[in-house]
Amino acid sequence: MSNTQATVTAYLAAQKKTTNKDLAAEWTLIEELHNEKLWNELTIKLVTFVRHESLQDESALLQLYQNFISTFETKINPYGLIQILEVVVDNISDKKEAIQFLEKMKDKVKICDEAVWYLQVMQGNLYLSNLNDLNATKKIIEELRDVLEEAGNVTPVHGKYYMLASQYYRRVGKHSEYYRCGLQFLGCSLDDYPRDQWAQQAFFLGLAALLGDGVYNIGELLAHPILESLKNTENEWLVELLKAFNMGDINKFNDMKKIWSKIPDLAAQEVKLRQKISLLCLMEMTFKRSAIERAISFADIAKETKLPPKEVEFLIMKALALDLVRGEIDQVAGVVNMSWVQPRVLDRSQIVGMASTLDTWMGAITNMEKLMENRAAEILTN
């Protein structure tokens, strides 16, 4: 018997001596899978077993790795190996040692891209949550961004990456990036996200949607089920505020000021918030109008946005520069002729409005068709 096999045999024999019959049975099954070299079944078993309460100790988990797992780690699925080692790393008290431990594993799992990405995300989490090393975290996020975008399909690592990235961007105050990564995370891993954390995540995403530069598609968040978690909580008002922004409803925004101004981040950015909702108001005005009614007067814009007349042209120029709308300004006539508005995720009321516009359009086509039929003879004769 080799020294390695002897070590494994002695380790498993010691573990089976536990007085806990159920735990002893688990170790016996693990030994059988190992002896039969059923590596896939053993990996699946260890992914769950490694979380057993009797093992949640740094020494116990390191012994499990050193005396058992390390002897066959190159024979099992690399991604499964990293799933097992995630629990080991979480229990290593010295997080710098944990990062070095993961670094040494890279060569052992390099045949599987997903395992390497997973390992890097784990390192990023350690840098961010335990060592507060923002530069190292940023480096990992940037290294993985393009790689994951070019992966071709969504992998189990994508959700873990977007969670890491969103936590980093929230920490450094980059609202737009946090919002986008947060939504991407929800699109990948919402089912795996603890329900008791939904409300907090929804609140942070809502604030980021309001404060983020370039975030005008708020309907995307409003359509997400995570906002349901804010119902009957102290932050339920945020959903109504998001709806007000999505509709460009400045009256409602003003009416809710006594509530949203209690949030320091929102109160400090009131000017920025007013500019954003004014732009959304202009977008909504354009969206509601039919194609033949897109000449909007400066006076109408001033009335809807509650802006002084002298600031209306600047608002329009800002919207055009951001490509939120397209059109031409007629300064002499005091109107802007809109030809396009940036597509957004629509809520129910906006969809109803669009349906009404389509009905009107179809009615106009039908009338024109009947006119052509009635005058066909006259047109042909002439």
Protein backbone atom coordinates (compact mmCIF):
# COMPACT_ATOMS: atom_id res chain seq x y z
CA MET A 1 0.00 0.00 0.00
CA SER A 2 1.38 3.42 -0.97
CA ASN A 3 1.87 6.18 1.57
CA THR A 4 -0.95 8.17 -0.04
CA GLN A 5 -3.39 5.28 0.18
CA ALA A 6 -2.34 4.60 3.74
CA THR A 7 -3.00 8.20 4.68
CA VAL A 8 -6.47 8.09 3.11
CA THR A 9 -7.31 4.78 4.79
CA ALA A 10 -6.17 5.99 8.21
CA TYR A 11 -8.03 9.30 7.84
CA LEU A 12 -11.33 7.67 6.82
CA ALA A 13 -11.04 5.06 9.55
CA ALA A 14 -10.64 7.80 12.15
CA GLN A 15 -13.66 9.71 10.83
CA LYS A 16 -15.89 6.61 10.93
CA LYS A 17 -15.24 6.22 14.66
CA THR A 18 -17.58 9.10 15.43
CA THR A 19 -20.41 8.35 17.87
CA ASN A 20 -22.87 10.00 15.49
CA LYS A 21 -24.31 7.03 13.57
CA ASP A 22 -25.67 9.13 10.73
CA LEU A 23 -22.33 10.88 10.27
CA ALA A 24 -20.48 7.54 10.41
CA ALA A 25 -22.77 6.24 7.66
CA GLU A 26 -21.92 9.29 5.52
CA TRP A 27 -18.19 8.62 5.91
CA THR A 28 -18.72 4.95 5.04
CA LEU A 29 -20.52 5.92 1.82
CA ILE A 30 -17.76 8.37 0.94
CA GLU A 31 -15.17 5.63 1.50
CA GLU A 32 -17.09 3.24 -0.76
CA LEU A 33 -17.34 5.81 -3.56
CA HIS A 34 -13.62 6.49 -3.25
CA ASN A 35 -12.65 2.81 -3.27
CA GLU A 36 -14.86 2.19 -6.30
CA LYS A 37 -13.31 5.23 -7.99
CA LEU A 38 -16.74 6.66 -8.72
CA TRP A 39 -15.32 10.17 -9.04
CA ASN A 40 -18.45 11.90 -10.33
CA GLU A 41 -20.67 10.47 -7.58
CA LEU A 42 -17.99 11.25 -4.99
CA THR A 43 -17.74 14.86 -6.17
CA ILE A 44 -21.51 15.35 -5.98
CA LYS A 45 -21.52 13.86 -2.48
CA LEU A 46 -18.63 16.01 -1.24
CA VAL A 47 -20.16 19.25 -2.60
CA THR A 48 -22.97 18.85 -0.06
CA PHE A 49 -21.12 16.89 2.66
CA VAL A 50 -18.42 19.52 3.02
CA ARG A 51 -21.11 21.80 4.48
CA HIS A 52 -21.95 19.35 7.28
CA GLU A 53 -21.99 21.08 10.67
CA SER A 54 -19.32 18.75 12.04
CA LEU A 55 -16.84 20.07 9.46
CA GLN A 56 -17.38 23.80 9.85
CA ASP A 57 -13.96 24.34 11.37
CA GLU A 58 -10.72 25.45 9.73
CA SER A 59 -8.70 22.52 11.05
CA ALA A 60 -11.30 19.88 10.13
CA LEU A 61 -11.72 21.18 6.58
CA LEU A 62 -7.99 21.52 5.94
CA GLN A 63 -7.49 17.94 7.17
CA LEU A 64 -10.27 16.81 4.83
CA TYR A 65 -8.48 18.47 1.93
CA GLN A 66 -4.92 17.49 2.81
CA ASN A 67 -5.59 13.89 3.85
CA PHE A 68 -8.32 13.02 1.38
CA ILE A 69 -9.40 15.39 -1.38
CA SER A 70 -5.87 16.35 -2.47
CA THR A 71 -5.13 12.69 -3.29
CA PHE A 72 -7.66 12.61 -6.15
CA GLU A 73 -8.29 16.30 -6.96
CA THR A 74 -6.96 15.97 -10.50
CA LYS A 75 -9.35 13.10 -11.22
CA ILE A 76 -12.62 14.88 -10.47
CA ASN A 77 -14.55 17.62 -12.24
CA PRO A 78 -12.55 20.86 -11.80
CA TYR A 79 -15.67 22.98 -11.29
CA GLY A 80 -16.94 20.55 -8.65
CA LEU A 81 -13.55 20.71 -6.93
CA ILE A 82 -13.79 24.51 -6.66
CA GLN A 83 -17.33 24.20 -5.28
CA ILE A 84 -15.95 21.96 -2.54
CA LEU A 85 -12.97 24.19 -1.84
CA GLU A 86 -15.17 27.29 -1.56
CA VAL A 87 -16.31 26.03 1.84
CA VAL A 88 -12.74 25.23 2.86
CA VAL A 89 -11.56 28.72 1.91
CA ASP A 90 -14.46 30.39 3.73
CA ASN A 91 -13.26 28.79 6.96
CA ILE A 92 -9.59 29.73 6.63
CA SER A 93 -9.08 32.49 9.20
CA ASP A 94 -6.09 34.15 7.49
CA LYS A 95 -7.66 35.44 4.27
CA LYS A 96 -4.29 36.21 2.67
CA GLU A 97 -3.45 32.54 3.09
CA ALA A 98 -6.84 31.69 1.61
CA ILE A 99 -6.03 33.73 -1.50
CA GLN A 100 -2.67 32.00 -1.83
CA PHE A 101 -4.38 28.64 -1.42
CA LEU A 102 -6.67 29.49 -4.34
CA GLU A 103 -3.77 30.80 -6.41
CA LYS A 104 -2.04 27.41 -6.11
CA MET A 105 -5.21 25.71 -7.33
CA LYS A 106 -5.24 27.55 -10.68
CA ASP A 107 -2.85 25.14 -12.39
CA LYS A 108 -4.83 22.16 -11.09
CA VAL A 109 -8.12 23.34 -12.66
CA LYS A 110 -6.79 25.19 -15.72
CA ILE A 111 -8.34 22.67 -18.09
CA CYS A 112 -11.78 24.09 -17.17
CA ASP A 113 -12.35 27.79 -17.88
CA GLU A 114 -15.41 27.98 -15.64
CA ALA A 115 -13.45 26.60 -12.69
CA VAL A 116 -10.72 29.22 -13.17
CA TRP A 117 -13.31 32.02 -13.43
CA TYR A 118 -15.07 30.73 -10.31
CA LEU A 119 -11.74 30.68 -8.47
CA GLN A 120 -11.01 34.28 -9.51
CA VAL A 121 -14.44 35.44 -8.31
CA MET A 122 -13.74 33.79 -4.96
CA GLN A 123 -10.46 35.67 -4.74
CA GLY A 124 -12.28 38.90 -5.60
CA ASN A 125 -14.78 38.32 -2.80
CA LEU A 126 -11.95 37.79 -0.32
CA TYR A 127 -10.19 40.97 -1.46
CA LEU A 128 -13.41 43.00 -1.23
CA SER A 129 -15.19 41.63 1.83
CA ASN A 130 -12.30 40.60 4.04
CA LEU A 131 -9.22 42.57 3.03
CA ASN A 132 -10.90 45.74 1.71
CA ASP A 133 -8.44 45.75 -1.18
CA LEU A 134 -10.43 47.67 -3.77
CA ASN A 135 -7.63 47.82 -6.33
CA ALA A 136 -7.15 44.05 -6.37
CA THR A 137 -10.93 43.57 -6.61
CA LYS A 138 -11.17 46.01 -9.50
CA LYS A 139 -8.37 44.21 -11.35
CA ILE A 140 -10.19 40.86 -11.13
CA ILE A 141 -13.51 42.42 -12.23
CA GLU A 142 -11.89 44.03 -15.25
CA GLU A 143 -10.00 40.85 -16.18
CA LEU A 144 -13.18 38.77 -16.12
CA ARG A 145 -15.56 41.27 -17.75
CA ASP A 146 -14.55 40.72 -21.37
CA VAL A 147 -13.90 37.01 -20.86
CA LEU A 148 -17.42 36.38 -19.56
CA GLU A 149 -19.05 38.59 -22.19
CA GLU A 150 -17.36 36.53 -24.89
CA ALA A 151 -18.27 33.20 -23.25
CA GLY A 152 -21.14 32.70 -25.71
CA ASN A 153 -23.62 31.51 -23.12
CA VAL A 154 -24.52 32.20 -19.50
CA THR A 155 -22.53 29.99 -17.13
CA PRO A 156 -23.00 29.40 -13.39
CA VAL A 157 -20.10 31.81 -12.84
CA HIS A 158 -21.85 34.77 -14.46
CA GLY A 159 -24.21 35.31 -11.55
CA LYS A 160 -21.36 35.08 -9.02
CA TYR A 161 -19.33 37.57 -11.06
CA TYR A 162 -22.17 40.09 -11.35
CA MET A 163 -22.76 39.89 -7.60
CA LEU A 164 -19.08 40.60 -6.94
CA ALA A 165 -19.04 43.46 -9.44
CA SER A 166 -22.25 45.01 -8.09
CA GLN A 167 -20.94 44.88 -4.50
CA TYR A 168 -17.70 46.53 -5.61
CA TYR A 169 -19.46 49.31 -7.55
CA ARG A 170 -21.80 49.98 -4.63
CA ARG A 171 -18.79 50.26 -2.32
CA VAL A 172 -17.07 52.82 -4.56
CA GLY A 173 -20.29 54.73 -5.28
CA LYS A 174 -20.62 54.00 -9.03
CA HIS A 175 -24.41 53.90 -9.20
CA SER A 176 -24.80 53.20 -12.94
CA GLU A 177 -22.39 50.28 -12.94
CA TYR A 178 -23.94 48.90 -9.76
CA TYR A 179 -27.42 49.12 -11.29
CA ARG A 180 -26.45 47.34 -14.49
CA CYS A 181 -24.47 44.59 -12.75
CA GLY A 182 -27.21 44.21 -10.15
CA LEU A 183 -29.83 43.63 -12.85
CA GLN A 184 -27.54 41.21 -14.67
CA PHE A 185 -27.06 39.28 -11.44
CA LEU A 186 -30.82 39.05 -10.94
CA GLY A 187 -31.17 37.79 -14.49
CA CYS A 188 -28.70 34.98 -13.78
CA SER A 189 -29.12 33.96 -10.16
CA LEU A 190 -32.31 35.31 -8.59
CA ASP A 191 -33.55 31.83 -7.66
CA ASP A 192 -30.33 31.19 -5.73
CA TYR A 193 -30.43 34.54 -3.91
CA PRO A 194 -31.67 34.34 -0.28
CA ARG A 195 -35.24 35.61 0.00
CA ASP A 196 -34.49 37.51 3.19
CA GLN A 197 -32.05 39.70 1.23
CA TRP A 198 -34.40 40.56 -1.63
CA ALA A 199 -35.78 43.70 0.02
CA GLN A 200 -32.34 45.15 0.71
CA GLN A 201 -31.15 44.41 -2.82
CA ALA A 202 -34.34 45.95 -4.26
CA PHE A 203 -33.81 49.10 -2.19
CA PHE A 204 -30.20 49.52 -3.28
CA LEU A 205 -31.10 48.91 -6.93
CA GLY A 206 -33.93 51.45 -6.71
CA LEU A 207 -31.60 54.13 -5.37
CA ALA A 208 -29.03 53.30 -8.05
CA ALA A 209 -31.67 53.60 -10.77
CA LEU A 210 -32.49 57.10 -9.56
CA LEU A 211 -28.92 58.27 -8.98
CA GLY A 212 -27.09 56.49 -11.81
CA ASP A 213 -25.85 58.53 -14.74
CA GLY A 214 -27.28 57.28 -18.02
CA VAL A 215 -29.95 55.14 -16.37
CA TYR A 216 -33.24 56.07 -18.04
CA ASN A 217 -34.74 52.62 -18.63
CA ILE A 218 -36.25 52.37 -15.15
CA GLY A 219 -39.08 50.20 -16.48
CA GLU A 220 -36.59 47.32 -16.61
CA LEU A 221 -36.39 47.33 -12.80
CA LEU A 222 -40.10 48.01 -12.33
CA ALA A 223 -40.87 44.87 -14.32
CA HIS A 224 -38.71 42.72 -12.06
CA PRO A 225 -40.36 40.63 -9.32
CA ILE A 226 -37.72 41.60 -6.76
CA LEU A 227 -39.56 44.90 -6.20
CA GLU A 228 -42.48 42.92 -4.76
CA SER A 229 -40.25 42.33 -1.72
CA LEU A 230 -40.62 46.01 -0.76
CA LYS A 231 -44.37 45.69 -0.21
CA ASN A 232 -45.40 46.25 3.41
CA THR A 233 -41.92 47.47 4.35
CA GLU A 234 -40.70 50.91 5.39
CA ASN A 235 -39.25 51.38 1.88
CA GLU A 236 -42.43 50.60 -0.06
CA TRP A 237 -42.56 54.26 -1.14
CA LEU A 238 -39.52 53.70 -3.37
CA VAL A 239 -41.60 51.71 -5.87
CA GLU A 240 -43.98 54.66 -6.26
CA LEU A 241 -41.06 57.03 -6.72
CA LEU A 242 -39.59 54.78 -9.41
CA LYS A 243 -42.96 54.74 -11.18
CA ALA A 244 -43.05 58.54 -11.03
CA PHE A 245 -39.64 58.71 -12.70
CA ASN A 246 -40.57 56.14 -15.31
CA MET A 247 -43.63 58.22 -16.25
CA GLY A 248 -41.81 61.54 -15.93
CA ASP A 249 -44.42 62.55 -13.34
CA ILE A 250 -42.89 65.64 -11.77
CA ASN A 251 -45.98 66.48 -9.71
CA LYS A 252 -45.75 63.14 -7.94
CA PHE A 253 -42.00 63.60 -7.48
CA ASN A 254 -42.66 66.92 -5.75
CA ASP A 255 -45.49 65.50 -3.66
CA MET A 256 -43.21 62.73 -2.39
CA LYS A 257 -40.32 65.03 -1.48
CA LYS A 258 -41.10 64.86 2.23
CA ILE A 259 -40.47 61.10 2.02
CA TRP A 260 -37.52 60.71 -0.37
CA SER A 261 -35.65 63.70 1.08
CA LYS A 262 -35.15 61.67 4.28
CA ILE A 263 -32.65 59.53 2.36
CA PRO A 264 -29.33 61.46 2.53
CA ASP A 265 -28.08 60.25 -0.88
CA LEU A 266 -31.28 61.43 -2.59
CA ALA A 267 -31.50 64.72 -0.72
CA ALA A 268 -27.90 65.54 -1.63
CA GLN A 269 -28.60 64.95 -5.33
CA GLU A 270 -31.92 66.80 -5.67
CA VAL A 271 -30.74 68.95 -8.59
CA LYS A 272 -29.54 65.86 -10.45
CA LEU A 273 -32.81 64.03 -9.73
CA ARG A 274 -34.85 66.95 -11.06
CA GLN A 275 -32.82 67.03 -14.25
CA LYS A 276 -33.31 63.28 -14.75
CA ILE A 277 -37.06 63.33 -14.20
CA SER A 278 -37.35 66.35 -16.52
CA LEU A 279 -35.59 64.38 -19.26
CA LEU A 280 -37.88 61.41 -18.62
CA CYS A 281 -40.86 63.75 -18.75
CA LEU A 282 -39.75 64.96 -22.19
CA MET A 283 -39.30 61.36 -23.34
CA GLU A 284 -42.79 60.48 -22.10
CA MET A 285 -44.29 63.53 -23.87
CA THR A 286 -42.68 62.38 -27.11
CA PHE A 287 -43.74 58.77 -26.63
CA LYS A 288 -47.40 59.64 -26.01
CA ARG A 289 -47.74 61.65 -29.20
CA SER A 290 -48.57 60.13 -32.54
CA ALA A 291 -46.13 60.44 -35.44
CA ILE A 292 -48.06 63.42 -36.87
CA GLU A 293 -48.18 65.27 -33.52
CA ARG A 294 -44.50 65.28 -32.64
CA ALA A 295 -44.07 69.06 -32.90
CA ILE A 296 -43.91 69.96 -29.20
CA SER A 297 -43.91 73.60 -28.19
CA PHE A 298 -41.44 74.97 -25.66
CA ALA A 299 -44.43 76.26 -23.69
CA ASP A 300 -45.91 72.75 -23.37
CA ILE A 301 -42.55 71.38 -22.27
CA ALA A 302 -42.16 74.13 -19.67
CA LYS A 303 -45.65 73.40 -18.35
CA GLU A 304 -45.07 69.65 -18.04
CA THR A 305 -41.54 69.81 -16.64
CA LYS A 306 -42.18 72.81 -14.36
CA LEU A 307 -39.07 74.45 -15.78
CA PRO A 308 -38.59 78.17 -16.46
CA PRO A 309 -39.07 78.84 -20.22
CA LYS A 310 -35.44 79.87 -20.60
CA GLU A 311 -34.26 76.40 -19.47
CA VAL A 312 -36.42 74.40 -21.88
CA GLU A 313 -34.10 74.64 -24.87
CA PHE A 314 -31.18 73.49 -22.72
CA LEU A 315 -33.23 70.47 -21.59
CA ILE A 316 -34.02 69.56 -25.20
CA MET A 317 -30.37 69.91 -26.22
CA LYS A 318 -29.38 67.69 -23.28
CA ALA A 319 -31.89 65.01 -24.33
CA LEU A 320 -30.66 65.17 -27.94
CA ALA A 321 -27.02 64.93 -26.82
CA LEU A 322 -27.78 61.85 -24.70
CA ASP A 323 -29.68 60.31 -27.66
CA LEU A 324 -32.80 59.97 -25.54
CA VAL A 325 -34.77 61.60 -28.33
CA ARG A 326 -34.04 62.71 -31.88
CA GLY A 327 -35.42 65.71 -33.66
CA GLU A 328 -34.82 69.30 -34.72
CA ILE A 329 -35.25 72.50 -32.77
CA ASP A 330 -37.12 75.38 -34.42
CA GLN A 331 -36.08 78.36 -32.30
CA VAL A 332 -38.14 80.83 -34.32
CA ALA A 333 -41.38 78.90 -33.85
CA GLY A 334 -40.41 77.82 -30.33
CA VAL A 335 -41.00 74.10 -31.02
CA VAL A 336 -39.01 70.90 -31.30
CA ASN A 337 -39.98 68.42 -34.01
CA MET A 338 -39.37 64.98 -32.55
CA SER A 339 -38.79 61.98 -34.83
CA TRP A 340 -37.71 59.26 -32.36
CA VAL A 341 -37.59 58.39 -28.66
CA GLN A 342 -35.25 55.88 -27.08
CA PRO A 343 -36.93 52.47 -26.58
CA ARG A 344 -37.67 51.51 -22.97
CA VAL A 345 -39.34 48.72 -21.04
CA LEU A 346 -42.96 49.85 -20.71
CA ASP A 347 -45.34 49.47 -17.78
CA ARG A 348 -49.01 48.54 -18.20
CA SER A 349 -50.30 52.10 -18.58
CA GLN A 350 -47.67 52.88 -21.22
CA ILE A 351 -48.56 49.72 -23.13
CA VAL A 352 -52.24 50.70 -23.02
CA GLY A 353 -51.31 54.11 -24.40
CA MET A 354 -49.27 52.54 -27.18
CA ALA A 355 -52.18 50.23 -28.04
CA SER A 356 -54.46 53.25 -28.30
CA THR A 357 -51.97 54.94 -30.63
CA LEU A 358 -51.84 51.81 -32.80
CA ASP A 359 -55.64 51.68 -32.92
CA THR A 360 -55.72 55.30 -34.09
CA TRP A 361 -53.08 54.54 -36.69
CA MET A 362 -54.97 51.48 -37.94
CA GLY A 363 -58.16 53.55 -38.12
CA ALA A 364 -56.39 56.14 -40.25
CA ILE A 365 -55.11 53.41 -42.59
CA THR A 366 -58.61 51.92 -42.90
CA ASN A 367 -60.09 55.34 -43.71
CA MET A 368 -57.45 55.93 -46.34
CA GLU A 369 -58.12 52.50 -47.82
CA LYS A 370 -61.86 53.24 -48.07
CA LEU A 371 -61.15 56.63 -49.62
CA MET A 372 -58.96 55.02 -52.26
CA GLU A 373 -61.65 52.45 -53.02
CA ASN A 374 -64.36 55.11 -53.33
CA ARG A 375 -62.29 57.31 -55.60
CA ALA A 376 -60.57 54.56 -57.57
CA ALA A 377 -62.72 55.09 -60.67
CA GLU A 378 -62.12 58.84 -60.67
CA ILE A 379 -58.38 58.37 -60.25
CA LEU A 380 -58.17 55.79 -63.03
CA THR A 381 -60.32 57.91 -65.40
CA ASN A 382 -58.13 60.95 -64.87
